């Protein structure tokens, strides 16, 4: 079996941390529509963040 690199472990940790935070937000505030809005808004912007966070100038602006 292949070992996980530190990048893969970091990615798994960040996804798990996001799930915990959104679950806590849902349990405390109890507003699923607002939580779903933030989750899908964050997922939609991931592509732009990948392009704009590289060492090269942002190609999308």
PDB file of N, CA and C in Angstrom:
ATOM      1  N   UNK A   1       0.840  -1.180   0.000  1.00  0.00           N
ATOM      2  CA  UNK A   1       0.000   0.000   0.000  1.00  0.00           C
ATOM      3  C   UNK A   1       0.888   1.248   0.000  1.00  0.00           C
ATOM      4  N   UNK A   2       0.471   2.211  -0.738  1.00  0.00           N
ATOM      5  CA  UNK A   2       1.245   3.441  -0.880  1.00  0.00           C
ATOM      6  C   UNK A   2       1.048   4.353   0.332  1.00  0.00           C
ATOM      7  N   UNK A   3       2.127   4.942   0.785  1.00  0.00           N
ATOM      8  CA  UNK A   3       2.054   5.858   1.930  1.00  0.00           C
ATOM      9  C   UNK A   3       1.509   7.209   1.489  1.00  0.00           C
ATOM     10  N   UNK A   4       0.826   7.859   2.385  1.00  0.00           N
ATOM     11  CA  UNK A   4       0.291   9.185   2.104  1.00  0.00           C
ATOM     12  C   UNK A   4       1.384  10.229   2.278  1.00  0.00           C
ATOM     13  N   UNK A   5       1.479  11.143   1.331  1.00  0.00           N
ATOM     14  CA  UNK A   5       2.442  12.239   1.453  1.00  0.00           C
ATOM     15  C   UNK A   5       1.902  13.256   2.458  1.00  0.00           C
ATOM     16  N   UNK A   6       2.755  14.170   2.864  1.00  0.00           N
ATOM     17  CA  UNK A   6       2.328  15.170   3.828  1.00  0.00           C
ATOM     18  C   UNK A   6       1.258  16.075   3.224  1.00  0.00           C
ATOM     19  N   UNK A   7       1.303  16.281   1.897  1.00  0.00           N
ATOM     20  CA  UNK A   7       0.278  17.104   1.252  1.00  0.00           C
ATOM     21  C   UNK A   7      -1.089  16.431   1.316  1.00  0.00           C
ATOM     22  N   UNK A   8      -1.095  15.110   1.101  1.00  0.00           N
ATOM     23  CA  UNK A   8      -2.355  14.370   1.163  1.00  0.00           C
ATOM     24  C   UNK A   8      -2.912  14.355   2.586  1.00  0.00           C
ATOM     25  N   UNK A   9      -2.029  14.171   3.564  1.00  0.00           N
ATOM     26  CA  UNK A   9      -2.477  14.191   4.961  1.00  0.00           C
ATOM     27  C   UNK A   9      -3.012  15.563   5.343  1.00  0.00           C
ATOM     28  N   UNK A  10      -2.336  16.617   4.875  1.00  0.00           N
ATOM     29  CA  UNK A  10      -2.805  17.974   5.148  1.00  0.00           C
ATOM     30  C   UNK A  10      -4.173  18.209   4.515  1.00  0.00           C
ATOM     31  N   UNK A  11      -4.354  17.759   3.276  1.00  0.00           N
ATOM     32  CA  UNK A  11      -5.639  17.916   2.602  1.00  0.00           C
ATOM     33  C   UNK A  11      -6.756  17.193   3.326  1.00  0.00           C
ATOM     34  N   UNK A  12      -6.490  15.978   3.773  1.00  0.00           N
ATOM     35  CA  UNK A  12      -7.496  15.221   4.524  1.00  0.00           C
ATOM     36  C   UNK A  12      -7.829  15.927   5.837  1.00  0.00           C
ATOM     37  N   UNK A  13      -6.809  16.433   6.507  1.00  0.00           N
ATOM     38  CA  UNK A  13      -7.036  17.162   7.754  1.00  0.00           C
ATOM     39  C   UNK A  13      -7.877  18.412   7.526  1.00  0.00           C
ATOM     40  N   UNK A  14      -7.581  19.173   6.472  1.00  0.00           N
ATOM     41  CA  UNK A  14      -8.328  20.404   6.212  1.00  0.00           C
ATOM     42  C   UNK A  14      -9.787  20.124   5.850  1.00  0.00           C
ATOM     43  N   UNK A  15     -10.028  19.080   5.073  1.00  0.00           N
ATOM     44  CA  UNK A  15     -11.404  18.711   4.736  1.00  0.00           C
ATOM     45  C   UNK A  15     -12.152  18.282   5.995  1.00  0.00           C
ATOM     46  N   UNK A  16     -11.504  17.491   6.852  1.00  0.00           N
ATOM     47  CA  UNK A  16     -12.143  17.061   8.094  1.00  0.00           C
ATOM     48  C   UNK A  16     -12.406  18.250   9.020  1.00  0.00           C
ATOM     49  N   UNK A  17     -11.460  19.181   9.096  1.00  0.00           N
ATOM     50  CA  UNK A  17     -11.655  20.364   9.933  1.00  0.00           C
ATOM     51  C   UNK A  17     -12.817  21.208   9.411  1.00  0.00           C
ATOM     52  N   UNK A  18     -12.933  21.336   8.102  1.00  0.00           N
ATOM     53  CA  UNK A  18     -14.052  22.080   7.526  1.00  0.00           C
ATOM     54  C   UNK A  18     -15.375  21.410   7.855  1.00  0.00           C
ATOM     55  N   UNK A  19     -15.417  20.089   7.758  1.00  0.00           N
ATOM     56  CA  UNK A  19     -16.644  19.361   8.082  1.00  0.00           C
ATOM     57  C   UNK A  19     -17.042  19.576   9.543  1.00  0.00           C
ATOM     58  N   UNK A  20     -16.066  19.560  10.438  1.00  0.00           N
ATOM     59  CA  UNK A  20     -16.352  19.786  11.859  1.00  0.00           C
ATOM     60  C   UNK A  20     -16.866  21.199  12.087  1.00  0.00           C
ATOM     61  N   UNK A  21     -16.252  22.172  11.452  1.00  0.00           N
ATOM     62  CA  UNK A  21     -16.664  23.567  11.633  1.00  0.00           C
ATOM     63  C   UNK A  21     -18.068  23.800  11.085  1.00  0.00           C
ATOM     64  N   UNK A  22     -18.363  23.289   9.890  1.00  0.00           N
ATOM     65  CA  UNK A  22     -19.703  23.468   9.329  1.00  0.00           C
ATOM     66  C   UNK A  22     -20.752  22.718  10.137  1.00  0.00           C
ATOM     67  N   UNK A  23     -20.400  21.551  10.681  1.00  0.00           N
ATOM     68  CA  UNK A  23     -21.340  20.820  11.526  1.00  0.00           C
ATOM     69  C   UNK A  23     -21.625  21.593  12.814  1.00  0.00           C
ATOM     70  N   UNK A  24     -20.591  22.153  13.418  1.00  0.00           N
ATOM     71  CA  UNK A  24     -20.777  22.954  14.631  1.00  0.00           C
ATOM     72  C   UNK A  24     -21.631  24.186  14.327  1.00  0.00           C
ATOM     73  N   UNK A  25     -21.385  24.823  13.196  1.00  0.00           N
ATOM     74  CA  UNK A  25     -22.185  25.989  12.807  1.00  0.00           C
ATOM     75  C   UNK A  25     -23.641  25.599  12.636  1.00  0.00           C
ATOM     76  N   UNK A  26     -23.871  24.456  12.014  1.00  0.00           N
ATOM     77  CA  UNK A  26     -25.242  23.986  11.813  1.00  0.00           C
ATOM     78  C   UNK A  26     -25.917  23.675  13.147  1.00  0.00           C
ATOM     79  N   UNK A  27     -25.190  23.022  14.054  1.00  0.00           N
ATOM     80  CA  UNK A  27     -25.775  22.659  15.341  1.00  0.00           C
ATOM     81  C   UNK A  27     -26.043  23.873  16.221  1.00  0.00           C
ATOM     82  N   UNK A  28     -25.166  24.859  16.179  1.00  0.00           N
ATOM     83  CA  UNK A  28     -25.330  26.042  17.025  1.00  0.00           C
ATOM     84  C   UNK A  28     -26.391  26.974  16.459  1.00  0.00           C
ATOM     85  N   UNK A  29     -26.322  27.263  15.168  1.00  0.00           N
ATOM     86  CA  UNK A  29     -27.243  28.235  14.579  1.00  0.00           C
ATOM     87  C   UNK A  29     -28.538  27.602  14.069  1.00  0.00           C
ATOM     88  N   UNK A  30     -28.478  26.343  13.676  1.00  0.00           N
ATOM     89  CA  UNK A  30     -29.678  25.641  13.247  1.00  0.00           C
ATOM     90  C   UNK A  30     -30.298  26.153  11.957  1.00  0.00           C
ATOM     91  N   UNK A  31     -29.516  26.760  11.095  1.00  0.00           N
ATOM     92  CA  UNK A  31     -30.043  27.278   9.832  1.00  0.00           C
ATOM     93  C   UNK A  31     -29.384  26.540   8.675  1.00  0.00           C
ATOM     94  N   UNK A  32     -29.978  25.438   8.203  1.00  0.00           N
ATOM     95  CA  UNK A  32     -29.314  24.642   7.159  1.00  0.00           C
ATOM     96  C   UNK A  32     -29.178  25.375   5.830  1.00  0.00           C
ATOM     97  N   UNK A  33     -30.124  26.226   5.475  1.00  0.00           N
ATOM     98  CA  UNK A  33     -30.031  26.937   4.191  1.00  0.00           C
ATOM     99  C   UNK A  33     -28.822  27.856   4.160  1.00  0.00           C
ATOM    100  N   UNK A  34     -28.575  28.556   5.243  1.00  0.00           N
ATOM    101  CA  UNK A  34     -27.427  29.457   5.315  1.00  0.00           C
ATOM    102  C   UNK A  34     -26.122  28.658   5.263  1.00  0.00           C
ATOM    103  N   UNK A  35     -26.076  27.529   5.955  1.00  0.00           N
ATOM    104  CA  UNK A  35     -24.882  26.689   5.956  1.00  0.00           C
ATOM    105  C   UNK A  35     -24.623  26.123   4.566  1.00  0.00           C
ATOM    106  N   UNK A  36     -25.662  25.635   3.894  1.00  0.00           N
ATOM    107  CA  UNK A  36     -25.503  25.110   2.534  1.00  0.00           C
ATOM    108  C   UNK A  36     -25.004  26.201   1.586  1.00  0.00           C
ATOM    109  N   UNK A  37     -25.509  27.410   1.755  1.00  0.00           N
ATOM    110  CA  UNK A  37     -25.061  28.526   0.923  1.00  0.00           C
ATOM    111  C   UNK A  37     -23.554  28.750   1.072  1.00  0.00           C
ATOM    112  N   UNK A  38     -23.068  28.769   2.304  1.00  0.00           N
ATOM    113  CA  UNK A  38     -21.639  28.992   2.535  1.00  0.00           C
ATOM    114  C   UNK A  38     -20.786  27.840   2.014  1.00  0.00           C
ATOM    115  N   UNK A  39     -21.267  26.597   2.179  1.00  0.00           N
ATOM    116  CA  UNK A  39     -20.505  25.440   1.700  1.00  0.00           C
ATOM    117  C   UNK A  39     -20.351  25.498   0.187  1.00  0.00           C
ATOM    118  N   UNK A  40     -21.458  25.694  -0.531  1.00  0.00           N
ATOM    119  CA  UNK A  40     -21.384  25.695  -1.986  1.00  0.00           C
ATOM    120  C   UNK A  40     -20.685  26.942  -2.524  1.00  0.00           C
ATOM    121  N   UNK A  41     -20.786  28.054  -1.822  1.00  0.00           N
ATOM    122  CA  UNK A  41     -20.055  29.254  -2.217  1.00  0.00           C
ATOM    123  C   UNK A  41     -18.548  29.009  -2.099  1.00  0.00           C
ATOM    124  N   UNK A  42     -18.126  28.381  -1.007  1.00  0.00           N
ATOM    125  CA  UNK A  42     -16.703  28.086  -0.813  1.00  0.00           C
ATOM    126  C   UNK A  42     -16.205  27.093  -1.857  1.00  0.00           C
ATOM    127  N   UNK A  43     -16.998  26.068  -2.162  1.00  0.00           N
ATOM    128  CA  UNK A  43     -16.585  25.084  -3.167  1.00  0.00           C
ATOM    129  C   UNK A  43     -16.486  25.711  -4.559  1.00  0.00           C
ATOM    130  N   UNK A  44     -17.368  26.634  -4.849  1.00  0.00           N
ATOM    131  CA  UNK A  44     -17.347  27.281  -6.158  1.00  0.00           C
ATOM    132  C   UNK A  44     -16.134  28.173  -6.363  1.00  0.00           C
ATOM    133  N   UNK A  45     -15.589  28.702  -5.297  1.00  0.00           N
ATOM    134  CA  UNK A  45     -14.449  29.615  -5.416  1.00  0.00           C
ATOM    135  C   UNK A  45     -13.095  28.907  -5.336  1.00  0.00           C
ATOM    136  N   UNK A  46     -13.094  27.626  -5.071  1.00  0.00           N
ATOM    137  CA  UNK A  46     -11.834  26.897  -4.946  1.00  0.00           C
ATOM    138  C   UNK A  46     -11.023  26.966  -6.236  1.00  0.00           C
ATOM    139  N   UNK A  47     -11.680  26.829  -7.374  1.00  0.00           N
ATOM    140  CA  UNK A  47     -10.976  26.853  -8.662  1.00  0.00           C
ATOM    141  C   UNK A  47     -10.253  28.179  -8.851  1.00  0.00           C
ATOM    142  N   UNK A  48     -10.915  29.283  -8.536  1.00  0.00           N
ATOM    143  CA  UNK A  48     -10.282  30.592  -8.693  1.00  0.00           C
ATOM    144  C   UNK A  48      -9.131  30.778  -7.706  1.00  0.00           C
ATOM    145  N   UNK A  49      -9.273  30.257  -6.505  1.00  0.00           N
ATOM    146  CA  UNK A  49      -8.214  30.375  -5.519  1.00  0.00           C
ATOM    147  C   UNK A  49      -6.977  29.591  -5.938  1.00  0.00           C
ATOM    148  N   UNK A  50      -7.167  28.457  -6.571  1.00  0.00           N
ATOM    149  CA  UNK A  50      -6.023  27.669  -7.040  1.00  0.00           C
ATOM    150  C   UNK A  50      -5.244  28.440  -8.096  1.00  0.00           C
ATOM    151  N   UNK A  51      -5.954  29.051  -9.044  1.00  0.00           N
ATOM    152  CA  UNK A  51      -5.274  29.798 -10.098  1.00  0.00           C
ATOM    153  C   UNK A  51      -4.601  31.053  -9.566  1.00  0.00           C
ATOM    154  N   UNK A  52      -5.213  31.720  -8.603  1.00  0.00           N
ATOM    155  CA  UNK A  52      -4.688  32.998  -8.144  1.00  0.00           C
ATOM    156  C   UNK A  52      -3.687  32.894  -7.004  1.00  0.00           C
ATOM    157  N   UNK A  53      -3.508  31.741  -6.411  1.00  0.00           N
ATOM    158  CA  UNK A  53      -2.562  31.594  -5.316  1.00  0.00           C
ATOM    159  C   UNK A  53      -1.232  30.993  -5.741  1.00  0.00           C
ATOM    160  N   UNK A  54      -1.034  30.838  -7.035  1.00  0.00           N
ATOM    161  CA  UNK A  54       0.246  30.320  -7.493  1.00  0.00           C
ATOM    162  C   UNK A  54       1.274  31.436  -7.492  1.00  0.00           C
ATOM    163  N   UNK A  55       2.525  31.094  -7.755  1.00  0.00           N
ATOM    164  CA  UNK A  55       3.584  32.106  -7.760  1.00  0.00           C
ATOM    165  C   UNK A  55       3.507  33.003  -8.987  1.00  0.00           C
ATOM    166  N   UNK A  56       2.793  32.549 -10.019  1.00  0.00           N
ATOM    167  CA  UNK A  56       2.625  33.345 -11.233  1.00  0.00           C
ATOM    168  C   UNK A  56       1.516  34.382 -11.008  1.00  0.00           C
ATOM    169  N   UNK A  57       1.483  35.435 -11.803  1.00  0.00           N
ATOM    170  CA  UNK A  57       0.373  36.396 -11.700  1.00  0.00           C
ATOM    171  C   UNK A  57      -0.953  35.711 -12.018  1.00  0.00           C
ATOM    172  N   UNK A  58      -2.005  36.210 -11.421  1.00  0.00           N
ATOM    173  CA  UNK A  58      -3.333  35.619 -11.600  1.00  0.00           C
ATOM    174  C   UNK A  58      -3.786  35.787 -13.059  1.00  0.00           C
ATOM    175  N   UNK A  59      -4.137  34.694 -13.693  1.00  0.00           N
ATOM    176  CA  UNK A  59      -4.529  34.720 -15.102  1.00  0.00           C
ATOM    177  C   UNK A  59      -5.996  35.070 -15.300  1.00  0.00           C
ATOM    178  N   UNK A  60      -6.772  35.065 -14.212  1.00  0.00           N
ATOM    179  CA  UNK A  60      -8.212  35.268 -14.331  1.00  0.00           C
ATOM    180  C   UNK A  60      -8.636  36.706 -14.142  1.00  0.00           C
ATOM    181  N   UNK A  61      -7.710  37.569 -13.754  1.00  0.00           N
ATOM    182  CA  UNK A  61      -8.065  38.964 -13.483  1.00  0.00           C
ATOM    183  C   UNK A  61      -7.759  39.804 -14.688  1.00  0.00           C
TER     184      UNK A  61
END
